Structures are given as C-alpha cells and as structure tokens.
C-alpha cells in the first residue's frame, strides 16, 4: 500500500505531543493589540489544544503525526 500524504497546511499549524494531543498556536495575537488587555495577550501566548471533536478530523490530515 502506498504512503499516505500529509496535509502540509495542517502540518504547519499543529504539532503532536508525546501524550498524543494536538497542540496549536492561539489566534487573535497578530494585530490590533492596543485594544486587548495585557492579561488577554499574555494568555493568548500559551498553546491551545485541539478538542476531541476536531481531533478525529485532524488525524486524517496528519497520518504520521507531523
């Protein structure tokens, strides 16, 4: 059976952790930062994790973990 292709756009946005969770960078930290509070900007720096509902769809795009 041939190798499956990894979706390259998904591979650039998500990383698989050692425990198997999918990690991603949070949105809303690129521009218009003056209207956001320091607390909100600080919390957006932390990584986000993909929920169980979306994880199944992403595993199709990332067959080898990426």
PDB file of N, CA and C in Angstrom:
ATOM      1  N   UNK A   1       0.852  -1.185   0.000  1.00  0.00           N
ATOM      2  CA  UNK A   1       0.000   0.000   0.000  1.00  0.00           C
ATOM      3  C   UNK A   1       0.896   1.246   0.000  1.00  0.00           C
ATOM      4  N   UNK A   2       0.573   2.255  -0.813  1.00  0.00           N
ATOM      5  CA  UNK A   2       1.430   3.442  -0.853  1.00  0.00           C
ATOM      6  C   UNK A   2       1.314   4.273   0.414  1.00  0.00           C
ATOM      7  N   UNK A   3       2.314   5.112   0.583  1.00  0.00           N
ATOM      8  CA  UNK A   3       2.300   6.007   1.742  1.00  0.00           C
ATOM      9  C   UNK A   3       1.164   7.015   1.613  1.00  0.00           C
ATOM     10  N   UNK A   4       0.606   7.412   2.751  1.00  0.00           N
ATOM     11  CA  UNK A   4      -0.442   8.435   2.744  1.00  0.00           C
ATOM     12  C   UNK A   4       0.212   9.805   2.731  1.00  0.00           C
ATOM     13  N   UNK A   5      -0.459  10.764   2.108  1.00  0.00           N
ATOM     14  CA  UNK A   5       0.089  12.112   2.058  1.00  0.00           C
ATOM     15  C   UNK A   5      -0.371  12.911   3.271  1.00  0.00           C
ATOM     16  N   UNK A   6       0.568  13.658   3.848  1.00  0.00           N
ATOM     17  CA  UNK A   6       0.260  14.566   4.947  1.00  0.00           C
ATOM     18  C   UNK A   6      -0.219  15.877   4.361  1.00  0.00           C
ATOM     19  N   UNK A   7      -1.268  16.437   4.921  1.00  0.00           N
ATOM     20  CA  UNK A   7      -1.732  17.754   4.517  1.00  0.00           C
ATOM     21  C   UNK A   7      -0.738  18.780   5.058  1.00  0.00           C
ATOM     22  N   UNK A   8      -0.005  19.447   4.170  1.00  0.00           N
ATOM     23  CA  UNK A   8       1.092  20.309   4.588  1.00  0.00           C
ATOM     24  C   UNK A   8       0.615  21.542   5.346  1.00  0.00           C
ATOM     25  N   UNK A   9      -0.559  22.070   5.013  1.00  0.00           N
ATOM     26  CA  UNK A   9      -1.050  23.236   5.731  1.00  0.00           C
ATOM     27  C   UNK A   9      -1.389  22.878   7.184  1.00  0.00           C
ATOM     28  N   UNK A  10      -1.911  21.673   7.397  1.00  0.00           N
ATOM     29  CA  UNK A  10      -2.214  21.222   8.754  1.00  0.00           C
ATOM     30  C   UNK A  10      -0.931  20.926   9.521  1.00  0.00           C
ATOM     31  N   UNK A  11       0.079  20.395   8.833  1.00  0.00           N
ATOM     32  CA  UNK A  11       1.339  20.060   9.485  1.00  0.00           C
ATOM     33  C   UNK A  11       2.054  21.303   9.997  1.00  0.00           C
ATOM     34  N   UNK A  12       1.846  22.435   9.325  1.00  0.00           N
ATOM     35  CA  UNK A  12       2.484  23.685   9.756  1.00  0.00           C
ATOM     36  C   UNK A  12       1.765  24.312  10.947  1.00  0.00           C
ATOM     37  N   UNK A  13       0.512  23.936  11.165  1.00  0.00           N
ATOM     38  CA  UNK A  13      -0.288  24.565  12.214  1.00  0.00           C
ATOM     39  C   UNK A  13      -0.419  23.740  13.485  1.00  0.00           C
ATOM     40  N   UNK A  14      -0.207  22.439  13.392  1.00  0.00           N
ATOM     41  CA  UNK A  14      -0.417  21.556  14.533  1.00  0.00           C
ATOM     42  C   UNK A  14       0.805  20.698  14.799  1.00  0.00           C
ATOM     43  N   UNK A  15       1.048  20.418  16.085  1.00  0.00           N
ATOM     44  CA  UNK A  15       2.128  19.516  16.483  1.00  0.00           C
ATOM     45  C   UNK A  15       1.552  18.479  17.430  1.00  0.00           C
ATOM     46  N   UNK A  16       2.009  17.255  17.311  1.00  0.00           N
ATOM     47  CA  UNK A  16       1.538  16.198  18.187  1.00  0.00           C
ATOM     48  C   UNK A  16       2.450  16.131  19.409  1.00  0.00           C
ATOM     49  N   UNK A  17       1.878  16.077  20.608  1.00  0.00           N
ATOM     50  CA  UNK A  17       2.662  15.984  21.829  1.00  0.00           C
ATOM     51  C   UNK A  17       2.977  14.522  22.123  1.00  0.00           C
ATOM     52  N   UNK A  18       3.808  14.297  23.137  1.00  0.00           N
ATOM     53  CA  UNK A  18       4.205  12.930  23.488  1.00  0.00           C
ATOM     54  C   UNK A  18       3.002  12.105  23.936  1.00  0.00           C
ATOM     55  N   UNK A  19       2.014  12.763  24.549  1.00  0.00           N
ATOM     56  CA  UNK A  19       0.833  12.042  25.022  1.00  0.00           C
ATOM     57  C   UNK A  19      -0.214  11.847  23.919  1.00  0.00           C
ATOM     58  N   UNK A  20       0.047  12.410  22.727  1.00  0.00           N
ATOM     59  CA  UNK A  20      -0.863  12.211  21.604  1.00  0.00           C
ATOM     60  C   UNK A  20      -1.836  13.345  21.359  1.00  0.00           C
ATOM     61  N   UNK A  21      -1.783  14.401  22.183  1.00  0.00           N
ATOM     62  CA  UNK A  21      -2.672  15.541  21.966  1.00  0.00           C
ATOM     63  C   UNK A  21      -2.136  16.382  20.816  1.00  0.00           C
ATOM     64  N   UNK A  22      -3.013  17.188  20.211  1.00  0.00           N
ATOM     65  CA  UNK A  22      -2.605  18.084  19.138  1.00  0.00           C
ATOM     66  C   UNK A  22      -2.553  19.508  19.679  1.00  0.00           C
ATOM     67  N   UNK A  23      -1.402  20.140  19.522  1.00  0.00           N
ATOM     68  CA  UNK A  23      -1.147  21.477  20.054  1.00  0.00           C
ATOM     69  C   UNK A  23      -1.184  22.477  18.904  1.00  0.00           C
ATOM     70  N   UNK A  24      -1.695  23.695  19.172  1.00  0.00           N
ATOM     71  CA  UNK A  24      -1.726  24.738  18.146  1.00  0.00           C
ATOM     72  C   UNK A  24      -1.504  26.097  18.785  1.00  0.00           C
ATOM     73  N   UNK A  25      -1.128  27.066  17.953  1.00  0.00           N
ATOM     74  CA  UNK A  25      -0.972  28.437  18.424  1.00  0.00           C
ATOM     75  C   UNK A  25      -2.347  29.097  18.428  1.00  0.00           C
ATOM     76  N   UNK A  26      -2.569  29.968  19.398  1.00  0.00           N
ATOM     77  CA  UNK A  26      -3.863  30.637  19.502  1.00  0.00           C
ATOM     78  C   UNK A  26      -3.976  31.805  18.526  1.00  0.00           C
ATOM     79  N   UNK A  27      -5.189  32.115  18.154  1.00  0.00           N
ATOM     80  CA  UNK A  27      -5.452  33.210  17.219  1.00  0.00           C
ATOM     81  C   UNK A  27      -5.581  34.536  17.969  1.00  0.00           C
ATOM     82  N   UNK A  28      -5.745  35.625  17.233  1.00  0.00           N
ATOM     83  CA  UNK A  28      -6.013  36.973  17.755  1.00  0.00           C
ATOM     84  C   UNK A  28      -4.817  37.633  18.436  1.00  0.00           C
ATOM     85  N   UNK A  29      -3.593  37.309  18.019  1.00  0.00           N
ATOM     86  CA  UNK A  29      -2.426  37.950  18.628  1.00  0.00           C
ATOM     87  C   UNK A  29      -1.540  38.589  17.560  1.00  0.00           C
ATOM     88  N   UNK A  30      -2.076  38.878  16.391  1.00  0.00           N
ATOM     89  CA  UNK A  30      -1.268  39.402  15.299  1.00  0.00           C
ATOM     90  C   UNK A  30      -1.336  40.925  15.160  1.00  0.00           C
ATOM     91  N   UNK A  31      -2.503  41.508  15.308  1.00  0.00           N
ATOM     92  CA  UNK A  31      -2.618  42.968  15.137  1.00  0.00           C
ATOM     93  C   UNK A  31      -3.795  43.470  15.964  1.00  0.00           C
ATOM     94  N   UNK A  32      -3.959  44.789  15.997  1.00  0.00           N
ATOM     95  CA  UNK A  32      -4.957  45.467  16.843  1.00  0.00           C
ATOM     96  C   UNK A  32      -4.760  45.044  18.300  1.00  0.00           C
ATOM     97  N   UNK A  33      -3.527  45.106  18.758  1.00  0.00           N
ATOM     98  CA  UNK A  33      -3.210  44.651  20.108  1.00  0.00           C
ATOM     99  C   UNK A  33      -3.460  45.718  21.158  1.00  0.00           C
ATOM    100  N   UNK A  34      -3.582  46.979  20.748  1.00  0.00           N
ATOM    101  CA  UNK A  34      -3.773  48.057  21.735  1.00  0.00           C
ATOM    102  C   UNK A  34      -5.131  47.956  22.414  1.00  0.00           C
ATOM    103  N   UNK A  35      -6.113  47.361  21.730  1.00  0.00           N
ATOM    104  CA  UNK A  35      -7.446  47.256  22.323  1.00  0.00           C
ATOM    105  C   UNK A  35      -7.599  46.028  23.207  1.00  0.00           C
ATOM    106  N   UNK A  36      -6.568  45.194  23.266  1.00  0.00           N
ATOM    107  CA  UNK A  36      -6.629  43.983  24.086  1.00  0.00           C
ATOM    108  C   UNK A  36      -5.864  44.216  25.376  1.00  0.00           C
ATOM    109  N   UNK A  37      -6.370  43.653  26.464  1.00  0.00           N
ATOM    110  CA  UNK A  37      -5.715  43.834  27.759  1.00  0.00           C
ATOM    111  C   UNK A  37      -4.433  43.008  27.831  1.00  0.00           C
ATOM    112  N   UNK A  38      -3.540  43.398  28.743  1.00  0.00           N
ATOM    113  CA  UNK A  38      -2.282  42.672  28.927  1.00  0.00           C
ATOM    114  C   UNK A  38      -2.550  41.230  29.325  1.00  0.00           C
ATOM    115  N   UNK A  39      -3.553  41.023  30.178  1.00  0.00           N
ATOM    116  CA  UNK A  39      -3.889  39.671  30.625  1.00  0.00           C
ATOM    117  C   UNK A  39      -4.308  38.799  29.445  1.00  0.00           C
ATOM    118  N   UNK A  40      -5.132  39.371  28.578  1.00  0.00           N
ATOM    119  CA  UNK A  40      -5.623  38.616  27.423  1.00  0.00           C
ATOM    120  C   UNK A  40      -4.481  38.259  26.469  1.00  0.00           C
ATOM    121  N   UNK A  41      -3.580  39.224  26.230  1.00  0.00           N
ATOM    122  CA  UNK A  41      -2.447  38.964  25.333  1.00  0.00           C
ATOM    123  C   UNK A  41      -1.498  37.926  25.929  1.00  0.00           C
ATOM    124  N   UNK A  42      -1.298  37.990  27.219  1.00  0.00           N
ATOM    125  CA  UNK A  42      -0.419  37.031  27.900  1.00  0.00           C
ATOM    126  C   UNK A  42      -0.998  35.620  27.814  1.00  0.00           C
ATOM    127  N   UNK A  43      -2.310  35.492  28.005  1.00  0.00           N
ATOM    128  CA  UNK A  43      -2.940  34.182  27.958  1.00  0.00           C
ATOM    129  C   UNK A  43      -2.979  33.621  26.530  1.00  0.00           C
ATOM    130  N   UNK A  44      -3.006  34.492  25.533  1.00  0.00           N
ATOM    131  CA  UNK A  44      -3.010  34.040  24.147  1.00  0.00           C
ATOM    132  C   UNK A  44      -1.655  33.490  23.720  1.00  0.00           C
ATOM    133  N   UNK A  45      -0.596  33.811  24.482  1.00  0.00           N
ATOM    134  CA  UNK A  45       0.729  33.288  24.157  1.00  0.00           C
ATOM    135  C   UNK A  45       0.828  31.789  24.406  1.00  0.00           C
ATOM    136  N   UNK A  46       0.030  31.298  25.348  1.00  0.00           N
ATOM    137  CA  UNK A  46       0.073  29.866  25.665  1.00  0.00           C
ATOM    138  C   UNK A  46      -0.510  29.050  24.516  1.00  0.00           C
ATOM    139  N   UNK A  47      -0.045  27.837  24.393  1.00  0.00           N
ATOM    140  CA  UNK A  47      -0.536  26.964  23.328  1.00  0.00           C
ATOM    141  C   UNK A  47      -1.953  26.496  23.641  1.00  0.00           C
ATOM    142  N   UNK A  48      -2.704  26.246  22.583  1.00  0.00           N
ATOM    143  CA  UNK A  48      -4.026  25.671  22.725  1.00  0.00           C
ATOM    144  C   UNK A  48      -3.992  24.207  22.320  1.00  0.00           C
ATOM    145  N   UNK A  49      -4.992  23.459  22.767  1.00  0.00           N
ATOM    146  CA  UNK A  49      -5.069  22.049  22.416  1.00  0.00           C
ATOM    147  C   UNK A  49      -6.367  21.785  21.675  1.00  0.00           C
ATOM    148  N   UNK A  50      -6.300  20.910  20.702  1.00  0.00           N
ATOM    149  CA  UNK A  50      -7.463  20.576  19.880  1.00  0.00           C
ATOM    150  C   UNK A  50      -8.412  19.706  20.698  1.00  0.00           C
ATOM    151  N   UNK A  51      -9.695  20.007  20.613  1.00  0.00           N
ATOM    152  CA  UNK A  51     -10.696  19.248  21.342  1.00  0.00           C
ATOM    153  C   UNK A  51     -10.942  17.883  20.720  1.00  0.00           C
ATOM    154  N   UNK A  52     -11.599  17.006  21.458  1.00  0.00           N
ATOM    155  CA  UNK A  52     -11.823  15.640  20.967  1.00  0.00           C
ATOM    156  C   UNK A  52     -12.680  15.574  19.706  1.00  0.00           C
ATOM    157  N   UNK A  53     -13.587  16.529  19.510  1.00  0.00           N
ATOM    158  CA  UNK A  53     -14.448  16.514  18.327  1.00  0.00           C
ATOM    159  C   UNK A  53     -13.653  16.787  17.054  1.00  0.00           C
ATOM    160  N   UNK A  54     -12.663  17.669  17.132  1.00  0.00           N
ATOM    161  CA  UNK A  54     -11.868  18.023  15.955  1.00  0.00           C
ATOM    162  C   UNK A  54     -10.664  17.106  15.767  1.00  0.00           C
ATOM    163  N   UNK A  55     -10.278  16.389  16.806  1.00  0.00           N
ATOM    164  CA  UNK A  55      -9.079  15.556  16.732  1.00  0.00           C
ATOM    165  C   UNK A  55      -9.219  14.468  15.668  1.00  0.00           C
ATOM    166  N   UNK A  56     -10.402  13.876  15.546  1.00  0.00           N
ATOM    167  CA  UNK A  56     -10.610  12.810  14.558  1.00  0.00           C
ATOM    168  C   UNK A  56     -10.428  13.335  13.142  1.00  0.00           C
ATOM    169  N   UNK A  57     -10.922  14.537  12.867  1.00  0.00           N
ATOM    170  CA  UNK A  57     -10.772  15.114  11.527  1.00  0.00           C
ATOM    171  C   UNK A  57      -9.313  15.419  11.219  1.00  0.00           C
ATOM    172  N   UNK A  58      -8.566  15.855  12.224  1.00  0.00           N
ATOM    173  CA  UNK A  58      -7.168  16.205  12.000  1.00  0.00           C
ATOM    174  C   UNK A  58      -6.281  14.979  11.854  1.00  0.00           C
ATOM    175  N   UNK A  59      -6.640  13.875  12.462  1.00  0.00           N
ATOM    176  CA  UNK A  59      -5.827  12.670  12.337  1.00  0.00           C
ATOM    177  C   UNK A  59      -5.828  12.147  10.900  1.00  0.00           C
ATOM    178  N   UNK A  60      -6.871  12.465  10.139  1.00  0.00           N
ATOM    179  CA  UNK A  60      -6.908  12.101   8.721  1.00  0.00           C
ATOM    180  C   UNK A  60      -5.893  12.953   7.945  1.00  0.00           C
ATOM    181  N   UNK A  61      -5.783  14.235   8.327  1.00  0.00           N
ATOM    182  CA  UNK A  61      -4.856  15.135   7.644  1.00  0.00           C
ATOM    183  C   UNK A  61      -3.410  14.910   8.036  1.00  0.00           C
ATOM    184  N   UNK A  62      -3.201  14.372   9.244  1.00  0.00           N
ATOM    185  CA  UNK A  62      -1.847  14.142   9.769  1.00  0.00           C
ATOM    186  C   UNK A  62      -1.647  12.665  10.056  1.00  0.00           C
ATOM    187  N   UNK A  63      -1.535  11.811   9.057  1.00  0.00           N
ATOM    188  CA  UNK A  63      -1.464  10.372   9.301  1.00  0.00           C
ATOM    189  C   UNK A  63      -0.210   9.935  10.059  1.00  0.00           C
ATOM    190  N   UNK A  64       0.867  10.714   9.972  1.00  0.00           N
ATOM    191  CA  UNK A  64       2.116  10.308  10.624  1.00  0.00           C
ATOM    192  C   UNK A  64       2.492  11.216  11.785  1.00  0.00           C
ATOM    193  N   UNK A  65       1.532  11.945  12.322  1.00  0.00           N
ATOM    194  CA  UNK A  65       1.769  12.758  13.497  1.00  0.00           C
ATOM    195  C   UNK A  65       2.226  14.166  13.224  1.00  0.00           C
ATOM    196  N   UNK A  66       3.067  14.361  12.217  1.00  0.00           N
ATOM    197  CA  UNK A  66       3.625  15.669  11.855  1.00  0.00           C
ATOM    198  C   UNK A  66       4.222  16.322  13.054  1.00  0.00           C
TER     199      UNK A  66
END
